Amino acid sequence: MRRAFEETLYQLAAQDERVIFLTGDLGYQVFDRFQRKFGRRYVNVGVAEAQLVNAAAGLAAEGWRPVAYSIAAFATARPYEQIKISVCYPHLPVIIVGAGGGFTYASSGVTHHAADDLALMCTLPGMSVVAPGCPDELRQLMPQMVSAARPFYLRIGKFGEKDYKGATEATLGQARRIRDGQRIALISTGDIASEVLEAVTALEAEGIVPLFYQFHTVKPLDLEAIEELSRRVAAIVVVEEHGLYGGLFSGLCHIKAMHNYDFKLYRLGAPDEFILGNPSRREIRSRLGVDAKAVRQTCREAWNDAAGDETKRICLPKDAR
């Protein structure tokens, strides 16, 4: 996905002279081509995330379209006040890019984990939050973000994510239907979508056919899609590489309560605790139960419950209750 980000950024800069890229001393070799081609529109502010955001805000106020890039943990938590006051308060067209959201940098430890990035950005008034699931989705969404001319947080993966086809194209603010189905639905955000798609494909052999929606836009959530799901399915399984609070699951809980929807709700995601040590991302996903194997197991449970149990409840893994 990071390569797709560079390619799309390069194309956007070639089409629009207002597009300018700022980095917090990251992305060497990845953005060399951009630097060679656009020169002064490549700005390395150094390891200074507050300055990264303030500089982007100042450029946006002067008519530029800044894209400010850092590791997700550094792009959100460190300059949070600057994003709030310098970008969101004046509602400036700055795109904050958090590379490696969730546990992409798992082995680097807690300092590099970003299981709270979506929550932090969703709390900011006027901020739109986007987490594509694959490179193709990112390619479709980035031009829309530049054209929208408002504050965005964009969570991207690293390298190697596989593209997938959807029944619909990727449009900001609209959930993307990837697979049709019945009885239950799977929804995800970010590149955890690859685990969900693997599970959905395997479940077909068992006669379990959930709908699969990718909510690449976490804020604002697609209310029409959720209303449609409330009419079509008895249960929704949320899969997110994020903490318990403030992500996709929290948003869906809020909407479910506000509208009194009667679907059951399951969650697969990180608990409200730090992940210590330096495990790999694969190990963390397995340990937390957000890999394809865990998705399959939860879908089996939800599928069977939806067939015979209409009691309304929210179901959480034991370690998240």
C-alpha atoms as a PDB file:
ATOM      1  CA  MET A   1       0.000   0.000   0.000  1.00  0.00           C
ATOM      2  CA  ARG A   2       2.895   2.378   0.654  1.00  0.00           C
ATOM      3  CA  ARG A   3       4.045   2.036  -2.944  1.00  0.00           C
ATOM      4  CA  ALA A   4       0.519   2.792  -4.128  1.00  0.00           C
ATOM      5  CA  PHE A   5       0.509   5.846  -1.881  1.00  0.00           C
ATOM      6  CA  GLU A   6       3.747   7.133  -3.441  1.00  0.00           C
ATOM      7  CA  GLU A   7       2.500   6.489  -6.962  1.00  0.00           C
ATOM      8  CA  THR A   8      -0.836   8.213  -6.343  1.00  0.00           C
ATOM      9  CA  LEU A   9       0.819  11.148  -4.581  1.00  0.00           C
ATOM     10  CA  TYR A  10       3.183  11.542  -7.553  1.00  0.00           C
ATOM     11  CA  GLN A  11       0.274  11.555 -10.009  1.00  0.00           C
ATOM     12  CA  LEU A  12      -1.708  14.052  -7.951  1.00  0.00           C
ATOM     13  CA  ALA A  13       1.292  16.374  -7.676  1.00  0.00           C
ATOM     14  CA  ALA A  14       1.797  16.182 -11.445  1.00  0.00           C
ATOM     15  CA  GLN A  15      -1.837  17.180 -11.997  1.00  0.00           C
ATOM     16  CA  ASP A  16      -2.096  19.839  -9.286  1.00  0.00           C
ATOM     17  CA  GLU A  17       0.743  22.232  -8.476  1.00  0.00           C
ATOM     18  CA  ARG A  18      -0.777  22.919  -5.073  1.00  0.00           C
ATOM     19  CA  VAL A  19      -0.023  19.391  -3.808  1.00  0.00           C
ATOM     20  CA  ILE A  20       2.989  19.487  -1.496  1.00  0.00           C
ATOM     21  CA  PHE A  21       4.471  16.632   0.550  1.00  0.00           C
ATOM     22  CA  LEU A  22       5.906  16.992   4.053  1.00  0.00           C
ATOM     23  CA  THR A  23       7.655  14.194   5.937  1.00  0.00           C
ATOM     24  CA  GLY A  24       8.901  13.805   9.467  1.00  0.00           C
ATOM     25  CA  ASP A  25      12.284  12.393   8.420  1.00  0.00           C
ATOM     26  CA  LEU A  26      10.751   9.197   7.047  1.00  0.00           C
ATOM     27  CA  GLY A  27      10.270   7.513   3.677  1.00  0.00           C
ATOM     28  CA  TYR A  28      13.821   7.477   2.333  1.00  0.00           C
ATOM     29  CA  GLN A  29      13.997   5.721  -1.062  1.00  0.00           C
ATOM     30  CA  VAL A  30      10.185   5.464  -1.121  1.00  0.00           C
ATOM     31  CA  PHE A  31       9.800   9.147  -2.082  1.00  0.00           C
ATOM     32  CA  ASP A  32      13.077   9.729  -3.935  1.00  0.00           C
ATOM     33  CA  ARG A  33      11.288   9.976  -7.267  1.00  0.00           C
ATOM     34  CA  PHE A  34       8.885  12.579  -5.885  1.00  0.00           C
ATOM     35  CA  GLN A  35      11.774  14.629  -4.498  1.00  0.00           C
ATOM     36  CA  ARG A  36      13.680  14.555  -7.783  1.00  0.00           C
ATOM     37  CA  LYS A  37      10.645  15.558  -9.836  1.00  0.00           C
ATOM     38  CA  PHE A  38       9.010  18.191  -7.645  1.00  0.00           C
ATOM     39  CA  GLY A  39      11.949  19.632  -5.716  1.00  0.00           C
ATOM     40  CA  ARG A  40      10.622  22.352  -3.442  1.00  0.00           C
ATOM     41  CA  ARG A  41       7.317  20.492  -3.040  1.00  0.00           C
ATOM     42  CA  TYR A  42       9.170  17.885  -0.980  1.00  0.00           C
ATOM     43  CA  VAL A  43       9.775  19.154   2.571  1.00  0.00           C
ATOM     44  CA  ASN A  44      11.543  17.154   5.286  1.00  0.00           C
ATOM     45  CA  VAL A  45      10.935  18.915   8.605  1.00  0.00           C
ATOM     46  CA  GLY A  46      13.007  16.368  10.557  1.00  0.00           C
ATOM     47  CA  VAL A  47      11.910  14.447  13.639  1.00  0.00           C
ATOM     48  CA  ALA A  48       9.517  17.200  14.715  1.00  0.00           C
ATOM     49  CA  GLU A  49       5.906  16.142  14.343  1.00  0.00           C
ATOM     50  CA  ALA A  50       4.422  19.294  15.870  1.00  0.00           C
ATOM     51  CA  GLN A  51       6.323  21.363  13.345  1.00  0.00           C
ATOM     52  CA  LEU A  52       5.256  18.951  10.598  1.00  0.00           C
ATOM     53  CA  VAL A  53       1.599  19.688  11.305  1.00  0.00           C
ATOM     54  CA  ASN A  54       2.037  23.422  11.887  1.00  0.00           C
ATOM     55  CA  ALA A  55       3.973  23.783   8.636  1.00  0.00           C
ATOM     56  CA  ALA A  56       1.283  21.861   6.762  1.00  0.00           C
ATOM     57  CA  ALA A  57      -1.404  24.067   8.295  1.00  0.00           C
ATOM     58  CA  GLY A  58       0.439  27.232   7.297  1.00  0.00           C
ATOM     59  CA  LEU A  59       0.848  25.999   3.739  1.00  0.00           C
ATOM     60  CA  ALA A  60      -2.837  25.068   3.556  1.00  0.00           C
ATOM     61  CA  ALA A  61      -3.784  28.548   4.740  1.00  0.00           C
ATOM     62  CA  GLU A  62      -1.798  29.932   1.793  1.00  0.00           C
ATOM     63  CA  GLY A  63      -3.620  27.810  -0.764  1.00  0.00           C
ATOM     64  CA  TRP A  64      -1.497  24.637  -0.888  1.00  0.00           C
ATOM     65  CA  ARG A  65      -2.804  21.079  -0.541  1.00  0.00           C
ATOM     66  CA  PRO A  66      -0.363  19.593   2.009  1.00  0.00           C
ATOM     67  CA  VAL A  67       0.088  15.880   2.650  1.00  0.00           C
ATOM     68  CA  ALA A  68       1.916  15.365   5.983  1.00  0.00           C
ATOM     69  CA  TYR A  69       3.473  11.932   6.477  1.00  0.00           C
ATOM     70  CA  SER A  70       4.823  10.000   9.458  1.00  0.00           C
ATOM     71  CA  ILE A  71       4.476   6.667  11.249  1.00  0.00           C
ATOM     72  CA  ALA A  72       0.899   6.433  12.531  1.00  0.00           C
ATOM     73  CA  ALA A  73       1.862   6.478  16.210  1.00  0.00           C
ATOM     74  CA  PHE A  74       3.908   9.634  15.653  1.00  0.00           C
ATOM     75  CA  ALA A  75       1.538  11.342  13.205  1.00  0.00           C
ATOM     76  CA  THR A  76      -1.410  11.299  15.611  1.00  0.00           C
ATOM     77  CA  ALA A  77      -0.449  11.227  19.300  1.00  0.00           C
ATOM     78  CA  ARG A  78       2.631  13.478  19.293  1.00  0.00           C
ATOM     79  CA  PRO A  79       1.140  16.449  17.386  1.00  0.00           C
ATOM     80  CA  TYR A  80      -2.441  15.956  18.600  1.00  0.00           C
ATOM     81  CA  GLU A  81      -2.848  19.527  19.868  1.00  0.00           C
ATOM     82  CA  GLN A  82      -1.432  20.965  16.646  1.00  0.00           C
ATOM     83  CA  ILE A  83      -3.844  18.865  14.566  1.00  0.00           C
ATOM     84  CA  LYS A  84      -6.720  20.022  16.756  1.00  0.00           C
ATOM     85  CA  ILE A  85      -5.920  23.744  16.825  1.00  0.00           C
ATOM     86  CA  SER A  86      -3.927  24.391  13.642  1.00  0.00           C
ATOM     87  CA  VAL A  87      -5.765  22.063  11.227  1.00  0.00           C
ATOM     88  CA  CYS A  88      -9.239  21.174  12.479  1.00  0.00           C
ATOM     89  CA  TYR A  89     -10.190  24.451  14.178  1.00  0.00           C
ATOM     90  CA  PRO A  90      -9.715  26.512  10.975  1.00  0.00           C
ATOM     91  CA  HIS A  91     -10.895  23.492   8.917  1.00  0.00           C
ATOM     92  CA  LEU A  92      -7.867  23.489   6.621  1.00  0.00           C
ATOM     93  CA  PRO A  93      -7.335  21.039   3.726  1.00  0.00           C
ATOM     94  CA  VAL A  94      -4.481  19.038   5.286  1.00  0.00           C
ATOM     95  CA  ILE A  95      -4.144  15.279   4.840  1.00  0.00           C
ATOM     96  CA  ILE A  96      -2.383  13.693   7.825  1.00  0.00           C
ATOM     97  CA  VAL A  97      -0.987  10.315   6.752  1.00  0.00           C
ATOM     98  CA  GLY A  98      -0.299   7.675   9.390  1.00  0.00           C
ATOM     99  CA  ALA A  99       1.861   4.933   7.890  1.00  0.00           C
ATOM    100  CA  GLY A 100       1.676   1.552   9.580  1.00  0.00           C
ATOM    101  CA  GLY A 101      -1.513   1.845  11.607  1.00  0.00           C
ATOM    102  CA  GLY A 102      -2.523  -0.762  14.138  1.00  0.00           C
ATOM    103  CA  PHE A 103       0.310  -3.205  14.790  1.00  0.00           C
ATOM    104  CA  THR A 104       2.191  -2.849  11.517  1.00  0.00           C
ATOM    105  CA  TYR A 105       5.319  -1.983  13.513  1.00  0.00           C
ATOM    106  CA  ALA A 106       4.583  -4.710  16.038  1.00  0.00           C
ATOM    107  CA  SER A 107       8.165  -5.785  16.701  1.00  0.00           C
ATOM    108  CA  SER A 108       9.224  -2.205  17.550  1.00  0.00           C
ATOM    109  CA  GLY A 109       7.144  -2.282  20.712  1.00  0.00           C
ATOM    110  CA  VAL A 110       4.501  -0.099  22.328  1.00  0.00           C
ATOM    111  CA  THR A 111       6.099   3.178  21.176  1.00  0.00           C
ATOM    112  CA  HIS A 112       5.351   2.252  17.553  1.00  0.00           C
ATOM    113  CA  HIS A 113       1.946   0.619  18.049  1.00  0.00           C
ATOM    114  CA  ALA A 114      -1.006   2.649  16.764  1.00  0.00           C
ATOM    115  CA  ALA A 115      -4.097   0.872  18.022  1.00  0.00           C
ATOM    116  CA  ASP A 116      -5.522   4.250  19.045  1.00  0.00           C
ATOM    117  CA  ASP A 117      -4.939   6.357  15.928  1.00  0.00           C
ATOM    118  CA  LEU A 118      -8.493   6.091  14.596  1.00  0.00           C
ATOM    119  CA  ALA A 119      -9.922   6.961  18.006  1.00  0.00           C
ATOM    120  CA  LEU A 120      -7.699  10.013  18.408  1.00  0.00           C
ATOM    121  CA  MET A 121      -8.569  11.376  14.988  1.00  0.00           C
ATOM    122  CA  CYS A 122     -12.281  10.559  15.203  1.00  0.00           C
ATOM    123  CA  THR A 123     -12.653  12.727  18.308  1.00  0.00           C
ATOM    124  CA  LEU A 124     -11.563  15.855  16.435  1.00  0.00           C
ATOM    125  CA  PRO A 125     -14.416  18.015  15.089  1.00  0.00           C
ATOM    126  CA  GLY A 126     -14.349  18.280  11.324  1.00  0.00           C
ATOM    127  CA  MET A 127     -11.782  15.518  10.832  1.00  0.00           C
ATOM    128  CA  SER A 128     -12.620  12.765   8.330  1.00  0.00           C
ATOM    129  CA  VAL A 129     -10.919   9.418   8.971  1.00  0.00           C
ATOM    130  CA  VAL A 130     -10.057   6.977   6.193  1.00  0.00           C
ATOM    131  CA  ALA A 131      -8.396   3.546   6.347  1.00  0.00           C
ATOM    132  CA  PRO A 132      -8.184   1.764   2.960  1.00  0.00           C
ATOM    133  CA  GLY A 133      -7.936  -1.995   2.908  1.00  0.00           C
ATOM    134  CA  CYS A 134      -5.753  -2.469  -0.154  1.00  0.00           C
ATOM    135  CA  PRO A 135      -3.625  -0.485  -2.623  1.00  0.00           C
ATOM    136  CA  ASP A 136      -6.406  -0.175  -5.197  1.00  0.00           C
ATOM    137  CA  GLU A 137      -8.758   1.262  -2.598  1.00  0.00           C
ATOM    138  CA  LEU A 138      -6.144   3.836  -1.648  1.00  0.00           C
ATOM    139  CA  ARG A 139      -5.639   4.804  -5.306  1.00  0.00           C
ATOM    140  CA  GLN A 140      -9.366   5.452  -5.628  1.00  0.00           C
ATOM    141  CA  LEU A 141      -9.742   7.423  -2.391  1.00  0.00           C
ATOM    142  CA  MET A 142      -6.724   9.742  -2.379  1.00  0.00           C
ATOM    143  CA  PRO A 143      -7.830  11.925  -5.329  1.00  0.00           C
ATOM    144  CA  GLN A 144     -11.224  12.315  -3.665  1.00  0.00           C
ATOM    145  CA  MET A 145      -9.531  13.459  -0.457  1.00  0.00           C
ATOM    146  CA  VAL A 146      -7.472  16.118  -2.228  1.00  0.00           C
ATOM    147  CA  SER A 147     -10.567  17.381  -4.064  1.00  0.00           C
ATOM    148  CA  ALA A 148     -12.671  17.452  -0.885  1.00  0.00           C
ATOM    149  CA  ALA A 149     -10.439  20.219   0.594  1.00  0.00           C
ATOM    150  CA  ARG A 150     -11.014  19.506   4.279  1.00  0.00           C
ATOM    151  CA  PRO A 151      -9.015  17.842   7.102  1.00  0.00           C
ATOM    152  CA  PHE A 152      -8.340  14.128   6.670  1.00  0.00           C
ATOM    153  CA  TYR A 153      -6.517  11.419   8.540  1.00  0.00           C
ATOM    154  CA  LEU A 154      -5.399   8.625   6.238  1.00  0.00           C
ATOM    155  CA  ARG A 155      -4.184   5.353   7.775  1.00  0.00           C
ATOM    156  CA  ILE A 156      -2.143   3.287   5.336  1.00  0.00           C
ATOM    157  CA  GLY A 157      -0.426  -0.079   5.575  1.00  0.00           C
ATOM    158  CA  LYS A 158       3.129  -0.931   4.685  1.00  0.00           C
ATOM    159  CA  PHE A 159       4.039  -3.204   1.752  1.00  0.00           C
ATOM    160  CA  GLY A 160       2.614  -6.374   0.265  1.00  0.00           C
ATOM    161  CA  GLU A 161      -1.134  -5.997   0.778  1.00  0.00           C
ATOM    162  CA  LYS A 162      -3.101  -7.713  -1.978  1.00  0.00           C
ATOM    163  CA  ASP A 163      -5.747  -5.933  -4.025  1.00  0.00           C
ATOM    164  CA  TYR A 164      -9.299  -7.239  -4.015  1.00  0.00           C
ATOM    165  CA  LYS A 165     -12.315  -6.554  -6.151  1.00  0.00           C
ATOM    166  CA  GLY A 166     -15.511  -5.144  -4.759  1.00  0.00           C
ATOM    167  CA  ALA A 167     -19.102  -5.090  -5.943  1.00  0.00           C
ATOM    168  CA  THR A 168     -18.859  -1.297  -5.670  1.00  0.00           C
ATOM    169  CA  GLU A 169     -16.099   1.250  -6.164  1.00  0.00           C
ATOM    170  CA  ALA A 170     -14.435   3.046  -3.257  1.00  0.00           C
ATOM    171  CA  THR A 171     -16.194   6.338  -2.533  1.00  0.00           C
ATOM    172  CA  LEU A 172     -15.519   8.540   0.480  1.00  0.00           C
ATOM    173  CA  GLY A 173     -18.181   8.190   3.143  1.00  0.00           C
ATOM    174  CA  GLN A 174     -19.701   5.076   1.582  1.00  0.00           C
ATOM    175  CA  ALA A 175     -19.076   1.543   2.810  1.00  0.00           C
ATOM    176  CA  ARG A 176     -17.817  -0.695   0.032  1.00  0.00           C
ATOM    177  CA  ARG A 177     -19.577  -4.016  -0.544  1.00  0.00           C
ATOM    178  CA  ILE A 178     -16.963  -6.668  -1.279  1.00  0.00           C
ATOM    179  CA  ARG A 179     -19.053  -9.845  -1.130  1.00  0.00           C
ATOM    180  CA  ASP A 180     -22.803 -10.393  -1.031  1.00  0.00           C
ATOM    181  CA  GLY A 181     -24.338 -12.879   1.356  1.00  0.00           C
ATOM    182  CA  GLN A 182     -27.076 -13.445   3.885  1.00  0.00           C
ATOM    183  CA  ARG A 183     -27.994 -13.828   7.557  1.00  0.00           C
ATOM    184  CA  ILE A 184     -24.828 -12.201   8.989  1.00  0.00           C
ATOM    185  CA  ALA A 185     -22.405  -9.506   7.891  1.00  0.00           C
ATOM    186  CA  LEU A 186     -18.689  -8.962   8.313  1.00  0.00           C
ATOM    187  CA  ILE A 187     -17.409  -5.397   8.375  1.00  0.00           C
ATOM    188  CA  SER A 188     -13.817  -4.217   8.619  1.00  0.00           C
ATOM    189  CA  THR A 189     -11.631  -1.163   8.185  1.00  0.00           C
ATOM    190  CA  GLY A 190      -7.996  -0.854   7.170  1.00  0.00           C
ATOM    191  CA  ASP A 191      -5.789  -3.624   5.839  1.00  0.00           C
ATOM    192  CA  ILE A 192      -7.250  -6.222   8.220  1.00  0.00           C
ATOM    193  CA  ALA A 193      -9.658  -6.642   5.297  1.00  0.00           C
ATOM    194  CA  SER A 194      -7.252  -9.201   3.837  1.00  0.00           C
ATOM    195  CA  GLU A 195      -7.817 -11.497   6.839  1.00  0.00           C
ATOM    196  CA  VAL A 196     -11.569 -11.078   6.502  1.00  0.00           C
ATOM    197  CA  LEU A 197     -11.548 -11.847   2.793  1.00  0.00           C
ATOM    198  CA  GLU A 198      -9.478 -14.997   3.398  1.00  0.00           C
ATOM    199  CA  ALA A 199     -12.021 -16.115   6.003  1.00  0.00           C
ATOM    200  CA  VAL A 200     -15.013 -15.355   3.777  1.00  0.00           C
ATOM    201  CA  THR A 201     -13.523 -17.390   0.934  1.00  0.00           C
ATOM    202  CA  ALA A 202     -12.884 -20.377   3.216  1.00  0.00           C
ATOM    203  CA  LEU A 203     -16.354 -20.220   4.788  1.00  0.00           C
ATOM    204  CA  GLU A 204     -18.058 -20.650   1.419  1.00  0.00           C
ATOM    205  CA  ALA A 205     -17.040 -24.324   1.471  1.00  0.00           C
ATOM    206  CA  GLU A 206     -19.005 -24.712   4.716  1.00  0.00           C
ATOM    207  CA  GLY A 207     -22.144 -23.106   3.320  1.00  0.00           C
ATOM    208  CA  ILE A 208     -21.634 -19.963   5.409  1.00  0.00           C
ATOM    209  CA  VAL A 209     -21.994 -16.868   3.224  1.00  0.00           C
ATOM    210  CA  PRO A 210     -21.814 -13.610   5.164  1.00  0.00           C
ATOM    211  CA  LEU A 211     -22.035 -10.226   3.520  1.00  0.00           C
ATOM    212  CA  PHE A 212     -18.682  -8.452   3.620  1.00  0.00           C
ATOM    213  CA  TYR A 213     -18.445  -4.666   3.734  1.00  0.00           C
ATOM    214  CA  GLN A 214     -15.225  -2.665   3.951  1.00  0.00           C
ATOM    215  CA  PHE A 215     -15.770   0.567   5.890  1.00  0.00           C
ATOM    216  CA  HIS A 216     -12.742   2.413   4.541  1.00  0.00           C
ATOM    217  CA  THR A 217     -14.296   5.629   5.877  1.00  0.00           C
ATOM    218  CA  VAL A 218     -14.498   5.371   9.661  1.00  0.00           C
ATOM    219  CA  LYS A 219     -15.705   8.950  10.086  1.00  0.00           C
ATOM    220  CA  PRO A 220     -18.264   9.760   8.908  1.00  0.00           C
ATOM    221  CA  LEU A 221     -19.712   6.258   8.990  1.00  0.00           C
ATOM    222  CA  ASP A 222     -22.072   5.252   6.212  1.00  0.00           C
ATOM    223  CA  LEU A 223     -25.441   5.416   7.988  1.00  0.00           C
ATOM    224  CA  GLU A 224     -27.360   4.215   4.944  1.00  0.00           C
ATOM    225  CA  ALA A 225     -25.244   1.069   4.687  1.00  0.00           C
ATOM    226  CA  ILE A 226     -25.740   0.310   8.378  1.00  0.00           C
ATOM    227  CA  GLU A 227     -29.485   0.821   8.036  1.00  0.00           C
ATOM    228  CA  GLU A 228     -29.511  -1.554   5.079  1.00  0.00           C
ATOM    229  CA  LEU A 229     -27.556  -4.151   7.062  1.00  0.00           C
ATOM    230  CA  SER A 230     -30.024  -3.814   9.938  1.00  0.00           C
ATOM    231  CA  ARG A 231     -32.786  -4.895   7.552  1.00  0.00           C
ATOM    232  CA  ARG A 232     -30.822  -7.715   5.937  1.00  0.00           C
ATOM    233  CA  VAL A 233     -28.880  -9.474   8.682  1.00  0.00           C
ATOM    234  CA  ALA A 234     -29.381 -10.703  12.225  1.00  0.00           C
ATOM    235  CA  ALA A 235     -25.755 -10.252  13.309  1.00  0.00           C
ATOM    236  CA  ILE A 236     -22.716  -8.142  12.411  1.00  0.00           C
ATOM    237  CA  VAL A 237     -19.134  -9.174  13.111  1.00  0.00           C
ATOM    238  CA  VAL A 238     -16.745  -6.210  13.360  1.00  0.00           C
ATOM    239  CA  VAL A 239     -13.053  -6.898  12.655  1.00  0.00           C
ATOM    240  CA  GLU A 240     -10.587  -4.086  13.394  1.00  0.00           C
ATOM    241  CA  GLU A 241      -6.884  -3.787  14.151  1.00  0.00           C
ATOM    242  CA  HIS A 242      -7.626  -1.177  16.777  1.00  0.00           C
ATOM    243  CA  GLY A 243      -8.285  -0.796  20.474  1.00  0.00           C
ATOM    244  CA  LEU A 244     -11.640  -1.361  22.091  1.00  0.00           C
ATOM    245  CA  TYR A 245     -12.647   2.291  22.210  1.00  0.00           C
ATOM    246  CA  GLY A 246     -13.078   4.883  19.495  1.00  0.00           C
ATOM    247  CA  GLY A 247     -12.754   2.776  16.353  1.00  0.00           C
ATOM    248  CA  LEU A 248     -15.211   1.140  13.970  1.00  0.00           C
ATOM    249  CA  PHE A 249     -16.846  -0.983  16.673  1.00  0.00           C
ATOM    250  CA  SER A 250     -17.448   2.011  18.931  1.00  0.00           C
ATOM    251  CA  GLY A 251     -18.991   3.947  16.078  1.00  0.00           C
ATOM    252  CA  LEU A 252     -21.298   1.088  15.219  1.00  0.00           C
ATOM    253  CA  CYS A 253     -22.321   0.673  18.877  1.00  0.00           C
ATOM    254  CA  HIS A 254     -23.289   4.337  18.964  1.00  0.00           C
ATOM    255  CA  ILE A 255     -25.402   4.077  15.827  1.00  0.00           C
ATOM    256  CA  LYS A 256     -27.013   0.826  16.987  1.00  0.00           C
ATOM    257  CA  ALA A 257     -28.043   2.471  20.273  1.00  0.00           C
ATOM    258  CA  MET A 258     -29.265   5.706  18.663  1.00  0.00           C
ATOM    259  CA  HIS A 259     -31.466   3.887  16.144  1.00  0.00           C
ATOM    260  CA  ASN A 260     -32.358   0.856  18.265  1.00  0.00           C
ATOM    261  CA  TYR A 261     -31.271  -1.565  15.548  1.00  0.00           C
ATOM    262  CA  ASP A 262     -31.910  -5.180  16.437  1.00  0.00           C
ATOM    263  CA  PHE A 263     -28.872  -6.975  14.995  1.00  0.00           C
ATOM    264  CA  LYS A 264     -26.444  -8.750  17.308  1.00  0.00           C
ATOM    265  CA  LEU A 265     -22.979  -7.322  17.411  1.00  0.00           C
ATOM    266  CA  TYR A 266     -19.692  -9.205  17.695  1.00  0.00           C
ATOM    267  CA  ARG A 267     -16.211  -7.711  17.847  1.00  0.00           C
ATOM    268  CA  LEU A 268     -12.750  -8.979  16.953  1.00  0.00           C
ATOM    269  CA  GLY A 269     -10.036  -6.480  17.822  1.00  0.00           C
ATOM    270  CA  ALA A 270      -7.404  -5.444  20.325  1.00  0.00           C
ATOM    271  CA  PRO A 271      -8.331  -5.311  24.024  1.00  0.00           C
ATOM    272  CA  ASP A 272      -7.874  -2.287  26.269  1.00  0.00           C
ATOM    273  CA  GLU A 273      -4.269  -3.084  27.164  1.00  0.00           C
ATOM    274  CA  PHE A 274      -0.711  -2.640  25.909  1.00  0.00           C
ATOM    275  CA  ILE A 275       0.882  -5.404  23.861  1.00  0.00           C
ATOM    276  CA  LEU A 276       4.266  -5.932  25.493  1.00  0.00           C
ATOM    277  CA  GLY A 277       7.453  -7.438  24.073  1.00  0.00           C
ATOM    278  CA  ASN A 278       8.334  -7.486  20.394  1.00  0.00           C
ATOM    279  CA  PRO A 279       6.091 -10.080  18.748  1.00  0.00           C
ATOM    280  CA  SER A 280       5.539 -10.024  14.998  1.00  0.00           C
ATOM    281  CA  ARG A 281       2.349  -8.593  13.571  1.00  0.00           C
ATOM    282  CA  ARG A 282       1.266 -12.085  12.572  1.00  0.00           C
ATOM    283  CA  GLU A 283       1.773 -13.265  16.150  1.00  0.00           C
ATOM    284  CA  ILE A 284      -0.185 -10.328  17.549  1.00  0.00           C
ATOM    285  CA  ARG A 285      -3.085 -10.917  15.179  1.00  0.00           C
ATOM    286  CA  SER A 286      -3.179 -14.576  16.141  1.00  0.00           C
ATOM    287  CA  ARG A 287      -2.891 -13.814  19.858  1.00  0.00           C
ATOM    288  CA  LEU A 288      -5.650 -11.196  19.767  1.00  0.00           C
ATOM    289  CA  GLY A 289      -7.940 -13.260  17.574  1.00  0.00           C
ATOM    290  CA  VAL A 290      -8.110 -10.951  14.579  1.00  0.00           C
ATOM    291  CA  ASP A 291      -6.669 -13.325  11.978  1.00  0.00           C
ATOM    292  CA  ALA A 292      -8.570 -15.321   9.370  1.00  0.00           C
ATOM    293  CA  LYS A 293      -8.853 -18.362  11.656  1.00  0.00           C
ATOM    294  CA  ALA A 294     -10.525 -16.333  14.406  1.00  0.00           C
ATOM    295  CA  VAL A 295     -12.824 -14.634  11.903  1.00  0.00           C
ATOM    296  CA  ARG A 296     -13.988 -18.011  10.611  1.00  0.00           C
ATOM    297  CA  GLN A 297     -14.710 -19.282  14.123  1.00  0.00           C
ATOM    298  CA  THR A 298     -16.671 -16.194  15.111  1.00  0.00           C
ATOM    299  CA  CYS A 299     -18.652 -16.324  11.879  1.00  0.00           C
ATOM    300  CA  ARG A 300     -19.631 -19.925  12.591  1.00  0.00           C
ATOM    301  CA  GLU A 301     -20.895 -18.883  16.008  1.00  0.00           C
ATOM    302  CA  ALA A 302     -22.728 -15.844  14.669  1.00  0.00           C
ATOM    303  CA  TRP A 303     -24.212 -17.832  11.781  1.00  0.00           C
ATOM    304  CA  ASN A 304     -25.622 -20.491  14.116  1.00  0.00           C
ATOM    305  CA  ASP A 305     -26.844 -17.942  16.682  1.00  0.00           C
ATOM    306  CA  ALA A 306     -28.548 -15.890  14.007  1.00  0.00           C
ATOM    307  CA  ALA A 307     -30.429 -18.950  12.812  1.00  0.00           C
ATOM    308  CA  GLY A 308     -32.054 -19.696  16.140  1.00  0.00           C
ATOM    309  CA  ASP A 309     -31.500 -16.931  18.681  1.00  0.00           C
ATOM    310  CA  GLU A 310     -33.107 -13.535  18.160  1.00  0.00           C
ATOM    311  CA  THR A 311     -32.101 -12.121  21.562  1.00  0.00           C
ATOM    312  CA  LYS A 312     -30.489  -8.703  21.204  1.00  0.00           C
ATOM    313  CA  ARG A 313     -27.026  -8.520  22.708  1.00  0.00           C
ATOM    314  CA  ILE A 314     -23.473  -7.363  22.079  1.00  0.00           C
ATOM    315  CA  CYS A 315     -20.881 -10.139  22.096  1.00  0.00           C
ATOM    316  CA  LEU A 316     -17.248  -9.423  22.998  1.00  0.00           C
ATOM    317  CA  PRO A 317     -14.223 -11.685  23.419  1.00  0.00           C
ATOM    318  CA  LYS A 318     -13.680 -12.530  27.084  1.00  0.00           C
ATOM    319  CA  ASP A 319     -10.504 -10.487  27.355  1.00  0.00           C
ATOM    320  CA  ALA A 320     -12.279  -7.344  26.138  1.00  0.00           C
ATOM    321  CA  ARG A 321     -15.216  -7.417  28.544  1.00  0.00           C
END
